Amino acid sequence: MDYEIKDKKGSENLVADHLSRILYDRESESNVSEYFPDEQSYVVHPDPWYADIVNYLDSSRIPEGWTKNDRDRFFHLVKFFIWNDPYLFKYCSD
């Protein structure tokens, strides 16, 4: 098979143009930086956000270890939900 390679000028090929303008120091070329300024840590919870609501509506039990403030906030929130197995519905203005 014959291949034809077409090349764009640097001003037309934005990726190549950007990469060609990156400055680097040959002495530190072997040292890879482990720090990324935009790096963020995220927490992954194994249970979905609505798991406590569904468990309460299904079995009338709340998780142990909650403070009074946590329980008050939960009971204020849970009154807007209905559990109709397997669906969780929320009362709202719609």
PDB file of N, CA and C in Angstrom:
ATOM      1  N   MET A   1       0.833  -1.182   0.000  1.00  0.00           N
ATOM      2  CA  MET A   1       0.000   0.000   0.000  1.00  0.00           C
ATOM      3  C   MET A   1       0.872   1.237   0.000  1.00  0.00           C
ATOM      4  N   ASP A   2       0.397   2.213  -0.681  1.00  0.00           N
ATOM      5  CA  ASP A   2       1.090   3.497  -0.714  1.00  0.00           C
ATOM      6  C   ASP A   2       0.359   4.464   0.202  1.00  0.00           C
ATOM      7  N   TYR A   3       1.125   5.177   0.995  1.00  0.00           N
ATOM      8  CA  TYR A   3       0.571   6.176   1.899  1.00  0.00           C
ATOM      9  C   TYR A   3       1.058   7.552   1.485  1.00  0.00           C
ATOM     10  N   GLU A   4       0.186   8.507   1.596  1.00  0.00           N
ATOM     11  CA  GLU A   4       0.556   9.878   1.328  1.00  0.00           C
ATOM     12  C   GLU A   4       0.448  10.653   2.631  1.00  0.00           C
ATOM     13  N   ILE A   5       1.501  11.296   3.038  1.00  0.00           N
ATOM     14  CA  ILE A   5       1.523  12.055   4.284  1.00  0.00           C
ATOM     15  C   ILE A   5       1.442  13.523   3.945  1.00  0.00           C
ATOM     16  N   LYS A   6       0.441  14.179   4.532  1.00  0.00           N
ATOM     17  CA  LYS A   6       0.280  15.619   4.331  1.00  0.00           C
ATOM     18  C   LYS A   6       0.577  16.306   5.651  1.00  0.00           C
ATOM     19  N   ASP A   7       1.370  17.333   5.595  1.00  0.00           N
ATOM     20  CA  ASP A   7       1.764  18.058   6.797  1.00  0.00           C
ATOM     21  C   ASP A   7       1.200  19.466   6.729  1.00  0.00           C
ATOM     22  N   LYS A   8       0.762  19.956   7.898  1.00  0.00           N
ATOM     23  CA  LYS A   8       0.240  21.324   7.979  1.00  0.00           C
ATOM     24  C   LYS A   8       1.311  22.227   8.562  1.00  0.00           C
ATOM     25  N   LYS A   9       1.242  23.496   8.226  1.00  0.00           N
ATOM     26  CA  LYS A   9       2.146  24.466   8.834  1.00  0.00           C
ATOM     27  C   LYS A   9       1.855  24.524  10.333  1.00  0.00           C
ATOM     28  N   GLY A  10       2.792  24.981  11.096  1.00  0.00           N
ATOM     29  CA  GLY A  10       2.623  25.068  12.541  1.00  0.00           C
ATOM     30  C   GLY A  10       1.452  25.939  12.955  1.00  0.00           C
ATOM     31  N   SER A  11       1.192  27.006  12.225  1.00  0.00           N
ATOM     32  CA  SER A  11       0.086  27.896  12.589  1.00  0.00           C
ATOM     33  C   SER A  11      -1.270  27.243  12.324  1.00  0.00           C
ATOM     34  N   GLU A  12      -1.333  26.286  11.405  1.00  0.00           N
ATOM     35  CA  GLU A  12      -2.590  25.590  11.109  1.00  0.00           C
ATOM     36  C   GLU A  12      -2.776  24.361  11.998  1.00  0.00           C
ATOM     37  N   ASN A  13      -1.671  23.740  12.393  1.00  0.00           N
ATOM     38  CA  ASN A  13      -1.718  22.554  13.237  1.00  0.00           C
ATOM     39  C   ASN A  13      -1.531  23.009  14.679  1.00  0.00           C
ATOM     40  N   LEU A  14      -2.636  23.284  15.374  1.00  0.00           N
ATOM     41  CA  LEU A  14      -2.574  23.901  16.696  1.00  0.00           C
ATOM     42  C   LEU A  14      -1.917  23.016  17.744  1.00  0.00           C
ATOM     43  N   VAL A  15      -2.126  21.708  17.673  1.00  0.00           N
ATOM     44  CA  VAL A  15      -1.541  20.817  18.673  1.00  0.00           C
ATOM     45  C   VAL A  15      -0.021  20.801  18.546  1.00  0.00           C
ATOM     46  N   ALA A  16       0.444  20.616  17.342  1.00  0.00           N
ATOM     47  CA  ALA A  16       1.897  20.586  17.131  1.00  0.00           C
ATOM     48  C   ALA A  16       2.512  21.939  17.456  1.00  0.00           C
ATOM     49  N   ASP A  17       1.802  23.012  17.104  1.00  0.00           N
ATOM     50  CA  ASP A  17       2.307  24.345  17.393  1.00  0.00           C
ATOM     51  C   ASP A  17       2.443  24.564  18.899  1.00  0.00           C
ATOM     52  N   HIS A  18       1.433  24.125  19.656  1.00  0.00           N
ATOM     53  CA  HIS A  18       1.473  24.260  21.115  1.00  0.00           C
ATOM     54  C   HIS A  18       2.606  23.427  21.710  1.00  0.00           C
ATOM     55  N   LEU A  19       2.743  22.187  21.274  1.00  0.00           N
ATOM     56  CA  LEU A  19       3.780  21.309  21.818  1.00  0.00           C
ATOM     57  C   LEU A  19       5.180  21.831  21.483  1.00  0.00           C
ATOM     58  N   SER A  20       5.321  22.449  20.339  1.00  0.00           N
ATOM     59  CA  SER A  20       6.645  22.939  19.966  1.00  0.00           C
ATOM     60  C   SER A  20       7.052  24.160  20.780  1.00  0.00           C
ATOM     61  N   ARG A  21       6.106  24.836  21.409  1.00  0.00           N
ATOM     62  CA  ARG A  21       6.407  26.038  22.185  1.00  0.00           C
ATOM     63  C   ARG A  21       6.639  25.757  23.669  1.00  0.00           C
ATOM     64  N   ILE A  22       6.484  24.521  24.115  1.00  0.00           N
ATOM     65  CA  ILE A  22       6.704  24.183  25.520  1.00  0.00           C
ATOM     66  C   ILE A  22       8.202  24.228  25.814  1.00  0.00           C
ATOM     67  N   LEU A  23       8.556  24.953  26.853  1.00  0.00           N
ATOM     68  CA  LEU A  23       9.964  25.070  27.251  1.00  0.00           C
ATOM     69  C   LEU A  23      10.316  23.953  28.225  1.00  0.00           C
ATOM     70  N   TYR A  24      11.475  23.377  28.073  1.00  0.00           N
ATOM     71  CA  TYR A  24      11.944  22.373  29.018  1.00  0.00           C
ATOM     72  C   TYR A  24      13.451  22.503  29.179  1.00  0.00           C
ATOM     73  N   ASP A  25      13.909  22.009  30.294  1.00  0.00           N
ATOM     74  CA  ASP A  25      15.332  22.055  30.615  1.00  0.00           C
ATOM     75  C   ASP A  25      15.900  20.658  30.412  1.00  0.00           C
ATOM     76  N   ARG A  26      16.930  20.532  29.613  1.00  0.00           N
ATOM     77  CA  ARG A  26      17.490  19.211  29.314  1.00  0.00           C
ATOM     78  C   ARG A  26      18.051  18.525  30.564  1.00  0.00           C
ATOM     79  N   GLU A  27      18.529  19.302  31.550  1.00  0.00           N
ATOM     80  CA  GLU A  27      19.085  18.706  32.762  1.00  0.00           C
ATOM     81  C   GLU A  27      18.005  18.031  33.593  1.00  0.00           C
ATOM     82  N   SER A  28      16.834  18.612  33.623  1.00  0.00           N
ATOM     83  CA  SER A  28      15.758  18.030  34.432  1.00  0.00           C
ATOM     84  C   SER A  28      14.848  17.136  33.603  1.00  0.00           C
ATOM     85  N   GLU A  29      15.268  16.812  32.390  1.00  0.00           N
ATOM     86  CA  GLU A  29      14.441  15.992  31.502  1.00  0.00           C
ATOM     87  C   GLU A  29      14.181  14.607  32.093  1.00  0.00           C
ATOM     88  N   SER A  30      15.146  14.067  32.827  1.00  0.00           N
ATOM     89  CA  SER A  30      14.983  12.729  33.387  1.00  0.00           C
ATOM     90  C   SER A  30      14.134  12.732  34.660  1.00  0.00           C
ATOM     91  N   ASN A  31      13.954  13.896  35.285  1.00  0.00           N
ATOM     92  CA  ASN A  31      13.148  13.984  36.500  1.00  0.00           C
ATOM     93  C   ASN A  31      11.700  14.286  36.129  1.00  0.00           C
ATOM     94  N   VAL A  32      10.834  13.343  36.392  1.00  0.00           N
ATOM     95  CA  VAL A  32       9.420  13.531  36.092  1.00  0.00           C
ATOM     96  C   VAL A  32       8.747  14.101  37.328  1.00  0.00           C
ATOM     97  N   SER A  33       8.005  15.165  37.132  1.00  0.00           N
ATOM     98  CA  SER A  33       7.327  15.804  38.256  1.00  0.00           C
ATOM     99  C   SER A  33       6.107  14.990  38.662  1.00  0.00           C
ATOM    100  N   GLU A  34       5.994  14.700  39.942  1.00  0.00           N
ATOM    101  CA  GLU A  34       4.855  13.952  40.472  1.00  0.00           C
ATOM    102  C   GLU A  34       3.725  14.876  40.884  1.00  0.00           C
ATOM    103  N   TYR A  35       3.899  16.172  40.753  1.00  0.00           N
ATOM    104  CA  TYR A  35       2.914  17.136  41.189  1.00  0.00           C
ATOM    105  C   TYR A  35       2.152  17.684  39.987  1.00  0.00           C
ATOM    106  N   PHE A  36       0.846  17.639  40.072  1.00  0.00           N
ATOM    107  CA  PHE A  36      -0.006  18.208  39.041  1.00  0.00           C
ATOM    108  C   PHE A  36      -0.851  19.292  39.683  1.00  0.00           C
ATOM    109  N   PRO A  37      -0.757  20.538  39.227  1.00  0.00           N
ATOM    110  CA  PRO A  37      -1.457  21.636  39.905  1.00  0.00           C
ATOM    111  C   PRO A  37      -2.978  21.503  39.903  1.00  0.00           C
ATOM    112  N   ASP A  38      -3.558  20.838  38.916  1.00  0.00           N
ATOM    113  CA  ASP A  38      -5.009  20.694  38.853  1.00  0.00           C
ATOM    114  C   ASP A  38      -5.502  19.402  39.496  1.00  0.00           C
ATOM    115  N   GLU A  39      -4.609  18.660  40.110  1.00  0.00           N
ATOM    116  CA  GLU A  39      -4.978  17.383  40.701  1.00  0.00           C
ATOM    117  C   GLU A  39      -5.850  17.606  41.939  1.00  0.00           C
ATOM    118  N   GLN A  40      -6.918  16.845  42.059  1.00  0.00           N
ATOM    119  CA  GLN A  40      -7.824  16.953  43.196  1.00  0.00           C
ATOM    120  C   GLN A  40      -8.139  15.562  43.704  1.00  0.00           C
ATOM    121  N   SER A  41      -8.405  15.490  44.981  1.00  0.00           N
ATOM    122  CA  SER A  41      -8.788  14.211  45.576  1.00  0.00           C
ATOM    123  C   SER A  41     -10.299  14.133  45.653  1.00  0.00           C
ATOM    124  N   TYR A  42     -10.824  13.003  45.305  1.00  0.00           N
ATOM    125  CA  TYR A  42     -12.255  12.772  45.383  1.00  0.00           C
ATOM    126  C   TYR A  42     -12.514  11.576  46.278  1.00  0.00           C
ATOM    127  N   VAL A  43     -13.624  11.635  46.996  1.00  0.00           N
ATOM    128  CA  VAL A  43     -14.004  10.539  47.865  1.00  0.00           C
ATOM    129  C   VAL A  43     -15.129   9.775  47.176  1.00  0.00           C
ATOM    130  N   VAL A  44     -14.992   8.487  47.108  1.00  0.00           N
ATOM    131  CA  VAL A  44     -16.021   7.659  46.510  1.00  0.00           C
ATOM    132  C   VAL A  44     -16.733   6.918  47.634  1.00  0.00           C
ATOM    133  N   HIS A  45     -18.023   7.169  47.746  1.00  0.00           N
ATOM    134  CA  HIS A  45     -18.812   6.498  48.764  1.00  0.00           C
ATOM    135  C   HIS A  45     -19.439   5.247  48.156  1.00  0.00           C
ATOM    136  N   PRO A  46     -19.381   4.124  48.867  1.00  0.00           N
ATOM    137  CA  PRO A  46     -19.934   2.892  48.298  1.00  0.00           C
ATOM    138  C   PRO A  46     -21.464   2.917  48.218  1.00  0.00           C
ATOM    139  N   ASP A  47     -22.120   3.665  49.096  1.00  0.00           N
ATOM    140  CA  ASP A  47     -23.574   3.723  49.088  1.00  0.00           C
ATOM    141  C   ASP A  47     -24.040   4.975  48.369  1.00  0.00           C
ATOM    142  N   PRO A  48     -25.144   4.887  47.626  1.00  0.00           N
ATOM    143  CA  PRO A  48     -25.665   6.095  46.979  1.00  0.00           C
ATOM    144  C   PRO A  48     -26.226   7.069  48.009  1.00  0.00           C
ATOM    145  N   TRP A  49     -26.440   8.302  47.612  1.00  0.00           N
ATOM    146  CA  TRP A  49     -26.883   9.354  48.521  1.00  0.00           C
ATOM    147  C   TRP A  49     -28.239   9.052  49.130  1.00  0.00           C
ATOM    148  N   TYR A  50     -29.046   8.281  48.478  1.00  0.00           N
ATOM    149  CA  TYR A  50     -30.407   8.022  48.935  1.00  0.00           C
ATOM    150  C   TYR A  50     -30.541   6.726  49.739  1.00  0.00           C
ATOM    151  N   ALA A  51     -29.451   6.043  50.026  1.00  0.00           N
ATOM    152  CA  ALA A  51     -29.513   4.745  50.706  1.00  0.00           C
ATOM    153  C   ALA A  51     -30.134   4.869  52.097  1.00  0.00           C
ATOM    154  N   ASP A  52     -29.774   5.893  52.869  1.00  0.00           N
ATOM    155  CA  ASP A  52     -30.330   6.070  54.213  1.00  0.00           C
ATOM    156  C   ASP A  52     -31.825   6.373  54.147  1.00  0.00           C
ATOM    157  N   ILE A  53     -32.241   7.139  53.140  1.00  0.00           N
ATOM    158  CA  ILE A  53     -33.661   7.459  52.991  1.00  0.00           C
ATOM    159  C   ILE A  53     -34.469   6.208  52.684  1.00  0.00           C
ATOM    160  N   VAL A  54     -33.989   5.405  51.755  1.00  0.00           N
ATOM    161  CA  VAL A  54     -34.693   4.172  51.393  1.00  0.00           C
ATOM    162  C   VAL A  54     -34.723   3.203  52.565  1.00  0.00           C
ATOM    163  N   ASN A  55     -33.620   3.052  53.276  1.00  0.00           N
ATOM    164  CA  ASN A  55     -33.589   2.149  54.434  1.00  0.00           C
ATOM    165  C   ASN A  55     -34.569   2.603  55.510  1.00  0.00           C
ATOM    166  N   TYR A  56     -34.674   3.913  55.730  1.00  0.00           N
ATOM    167  CA  TYR A  56     -35.609   4.412  56.731  1.00  0.00           C
ATOM    168  C   TYR A  56     -37.058   4.199  56.288  1.00  0.00           C
ATOM    169  N   LEU A  57     -37.356   4.515  55.038  1.00  0.00           N
ATOM    170  CA  LEU A  57     -38.732   4.356  54.563  1.00  0.00           C
ATOM    171  C   LEU A  57     -39.150   2.896  54.504  1.00  0.00           C
ATOM    172  N   ASP A  58     -38.216   2.004  54.292  1.00  0.00           N
ATOM    173  CA  ASP A  58     -38.531   0.578  54.202  1.00  0.00           C
ATOM    174  C   ASP A  58     -38.597  -0.085  55.565  1.00  0.00           C
ATOM    175  N   SER A  59     -37.679   0.271  56.471  1.00  0.00           N
ATOM    176  CA  SER A  59     -37.610  -0.449  57.745  1.00  0.00           C
ATOM    177  C   SER A  59     -37.743   0.453  58.968  1.00  0.00           C
ATOM    178  N   SER A  60     -37.919   1.753  58.792  1.00  0.00           N
ATOM    179  CA  SER A  60     -38.060   2.728  59.889  1.00  0.00           C
ATOM    180  C   SER A  60     -36.860   2.736  60.834  1.00  0.00           C
ATOM    181  N   ARG A  61     -35.671   2.468  60.299  1.00  0.00           N
ATOM    182  CA  ARG A  61     -34.442   2.528  61.100  1.00  0.00           C
ATOM    183  C   ARG A  61     -33.505   3.570  60.528  1.00  0.00           C
ATOM    184  N   ILE A  62     -32.861   4.324  61.417  1.00  0.00           N
ATOM    185  CA  ILE A  62     -31.854   5.290  60.990  1.00  0.00           C
ATOM    186  C   ILE A  62     -30.476   4.756  61.387  1.00  0.00           C
ATOM    187  N   PRO A  63     -29.440   5.199  60.700  1.00  0.00           N
ATOM    188  CA  PRO A  63     -28.094   4.726  61.034  1.00  0.00           C
ATOM    189  C   PRO A  63     -27.690   5.123  62.449  1.00  0.00           C
ATOM    190  N   GLU A  64     -26.916   4.281  63.093  1.00  0.00           N
ATOM    191  CA  GLU A  64     -26.421   4.574  64.436  1.00  0.00           C
ATOM    192  C   GLU A  64     -25.262   5.557  64.347  1.00  0.00           C
ATOM    193  N   GLY A  65     -25.067   6.312  65.431  1.00  0.00           N
ATOM    194  CA  GLY A  65     -23.935   7.222  65.499  1.00  0.00           C
ATOM    195  C   GLY A  65     -24.217   8.612  64.968  1.00  0.00           C
ATOM    196  N   TRP A  66     -25.441   8.884  64.582  1.00  0.00           N
ATOM    197  CA  TRP A  66     -25.776  10.226  64.106  1.00  0.00           C
ATOM    198  C   TRP A  66     -25.998  11.155  65.286  1.00  0.00           C
ATOM    199  N   THR A  67     -25.629  12.416  65.120  1.00  0.00           N
ATOM    200  CA  THR A  67     -25.884  13.421  66.145  1.00  0.00           C
ATOM    201  C   THR A  67     -27.340  13.884  66.036  1.00  0.00           C
ATOM    202  N   LYS A  68     -27.780  14.654  67.019  1.00  0.00           N
ATOM    203  CA  LYS A  68     -29.151  15.170  66.998  1.00  0.00           C
ATOM    204  C   LYS A  68     -29.362  16.043  65.766  1.00  0.00           C
ATOM    205  N   ASN A  69     -28.363  16.833  65.418  1.00  0.00           N
ATOM    206  CA  ASN A  69     -28.457  17.685  64.236  1.00  0.00           C
ATOM    207  C   ASN A  69     -28.604  16.850  62.964  1.00  0.00           C
ATOM    208  N   ASP A  70     -27.847  15.752  62.850  1.00  0.00           N
ATOM    209  CA  ASP A  70     -27.958  14.861  61.693  1.00  0.00           C
ATOM    210  C   ASP A  70     -29.355  14.260  61.601  1.00  0.00           C
ATOM    211  N   ARG A  71     -29.889  13.812  62.745  1.00  0.00           N
ATOM    212  CA  ARG A  71     -31.233  13.216  62.749  1.00  0.00           C
ATOM    213  C   ARG A  71     -32.296  14.248  62.377  1.00  0.00           C
ATOM    214  N   ASP A  72     -32.195  15.453  62.933  1.00  0.00           N
ATOM    215  CA  ASP A  72     -33.178  16.498  62.616  1.00  0.00           C
ATOM    216  C   ASP A  72     -33.156  16.849  61.132  1.00  0.00           C
ATOM    217  N   ARG A  73     -31.975  16.984  60.577  1.00  0.00           N
ATOM    218  CA  ARG A  73     -31.853  17.300  59.153  1.00  0.00           C
ATOM    219  C   ARG A  73     -32.401  16.159  58.301  1.00  0.00           C
ATOM    220  N   PHE A  74     -32.135  14.910  58.724  1.00  0.00           N
ATOM    221  CA  PHE A  74     -32.618  13.744  57.993  1.00  0.00           C
ATOM    222  C   PHE A  74     -34.140  13.668  58.022  1.00  0.00           C
ATOM    223  N   PHE A  75     -34.750  13.874  59.183  1.00  0.00           N
ATOM    224  CA  PHE A  75     -36.203  13.794  59.271  1.00  0.00           C
ATOM    225  C   PHE A  75     -36.877  14.931  58.507  1.00  0.00           C
ATOM    226  N   HIS A  76     -36.225  16.078  58.431  1.00  0.00           N
ATOM    227  CA  HIS A  76     -36.766  17.163  57.608  1.00  0.00           C
ATOM    228  C   HIS A  76     -36.720  16.775  56.129  1.00  0.00           C
ATOM    229  N   LEU A  77     -35.662  16.120  55.699  1.00  0.00           N
ATOM    230  CA  LEU A  77     -35.493  15.734  54.305  1.00  0.00           C
ATOM    231  C   LEU A  77     -36.373  14.553  53.913  1.00  0.00           C
ATOM    232  N   VAL A  78     -36.494  13.569  54.792  1.00  0.00           N
ATOM    233  CA  VAL A  78     -37.160  12.320  54.443  1.00  0.00           C
ATOM    234  C   VAL A  78     -38.670  12.494  54.246  1.00  0.00           C
ATOM    235  N   LYS A  79     -39.244  13.538  54.796  1.00  0.00           N
ATOM    236  CA  LYS A  79     -40.698  13.716  54.659  1.00  0.00           C
ATOM    237  C   LYS A  79     -41.099  14.080  53.226  1.00  0.00           C
ATOM    238  N   PHE A  80     -40.133  14.403  52.370  1.00  0.00           N
ATOM    239  CA  PHE A  80     -40.428  14.723  50.982  1.00  0.00           C
ATOM    240  C   PHE A  80     -40.332  13.512  50.052  1.00  0.00           C
ATOM    241  N   PHE A  81     -40.057  12.336  50.597  1.00  0.00           N
ATOM    242  CA  PHE A  81     -39.845  11.148  49.764  1.00  0.00           C
ATOM    243  C   PHE A  81     -40.877  10.064  50.052  1.00  0.00           C
ATOM    244  N   ILE A  82     -41.173   9.278  48.999  1.00  0.00           N
ATOM    245  CA  ILE A  82     -42.051   8.095  49.106  1.00  0.00           C
ATOM    246  C   ILE A  82     -41.291   6.918  48.504  1.00  0.00           C
ATOM    247  N   TRP A  83     -41.315   5.793  49.193  1.00  0.00           N
ATOM    248  CA  TRP A  83     -40.678   4.578  48.686  1.00  0.00           C
ATOM    249  C   TRP A  83     -41.773   3.643  48.194  1.00  0.00           C
ATOM    250  N   ASN A  84     -41.816   3.439  46.881  1.00  0.00           N
ATOM    251  CA  ASN A  84     -42.736   2.488  46.262  1.00  0.00           C
ATOM    252  C   ASN A  84     -41.849   1.491  45.534  1.00  0.00           C
ATOM    253  N   ASP A  85     -41.535   0.405  46.216  1.00  0.00           N
ATOM    254  CA  ASP A  85     -40.540  -0.567  45.766  1.00  0.00           C
ATOM    255  C   ASP A  85     -40.704  -0.873  44.283  1.00  0.00           C
ATOM    256  N   PRO A  86     -39.757  -0.717  43.449  1.00  0.00           N
ATOM    257  CA  PRO A  86     -38.346  -0.383  43.619  1.00  0.00           C
ATOM    258  C   PRO A  86     -38.020   1.078  43.344  1.00  0.00           C
ATOM    259  N   TYR A  87     -38.996   1.977  43.414  1.00  0.00           N
ATOM    260  CA  TYR A  87     -38.775   3.368  43.045  1.00  0.00           C
ATOM    261  C   TYR A  87     -38.844   4.277  44.261  1.00  0.00           C
ATOM    262  N   LEU A  88     -38.018   5.323  44.241  1.00  0.00           N
ATOM    263  CA  LEU A  88     -38.036   6.359  45.256  1.00  0.00           C
ATOM    264  C   LEU A  88     -38.543   7.622  44.582  1.00  0.00           C
ATOM    265  N   PHE A  89     -39.645   8.149  45.115  1.00  0.00           N
ATOM    266  CA  PHE A  89     -40.247   9.364  44.553  1.00  0.00           C
ATOM    267  C   PHE A  89     -40.063  10.515  45.532  1.00  0.00           C
ATOM    268  N   LYS A  90     -39.990  11.724  44.976  1.00  0.00           N
ATOM    269  CA  LYS A  90     -39.855  12.915  45.804  1.00  0.00           C
ATOM    270  C   LYS A  90     -41.009  13.859  45.502  1.00  0.00           C
ATOM    271  N   TYR A  91     -41.652  14.343  46.580  1.00  0.00           N
ATOM    272  CA  TYR A  91     -42.656  15.385  46.412  1.00  0.00           C
ATOM    273  C   TYR A  91     -41.953  16.670  46.032  1.00  0.00           C
ATOM    274  N   CYS A  92     -42.458  17.350  45.003  1.00  0.00           N
ATOM    275  CA  CYS A  92     -41.890  18.639  44.635  1.00  0.00           C
ATOM    276  C   CYS A  92     -42.956  19.442  43.916  1.00  0.00           C
ATOM    277  N   SER A  93     -42.627  20.627  43.491  1.00  0.00           N
ATOM    278  CA  SER A  93     -43.606  21.522  42.890  1.00  0.00           C
ATOM    279  C   SER A  93     -44.026  21.087  41.497  1.00  0.00           C
ATOM    280  N   ASP A  94     -43.325  20.143  40.881  1.00  0.00           N
ATOM    281  CA  ASP A  94     -43.714  19.690  39.549  1.00  0.00           C
ATOM    282  C   ASP A  94     -44.982  18.890  39.666  1.00  0.00           C
TER     283      ASP A  94
END
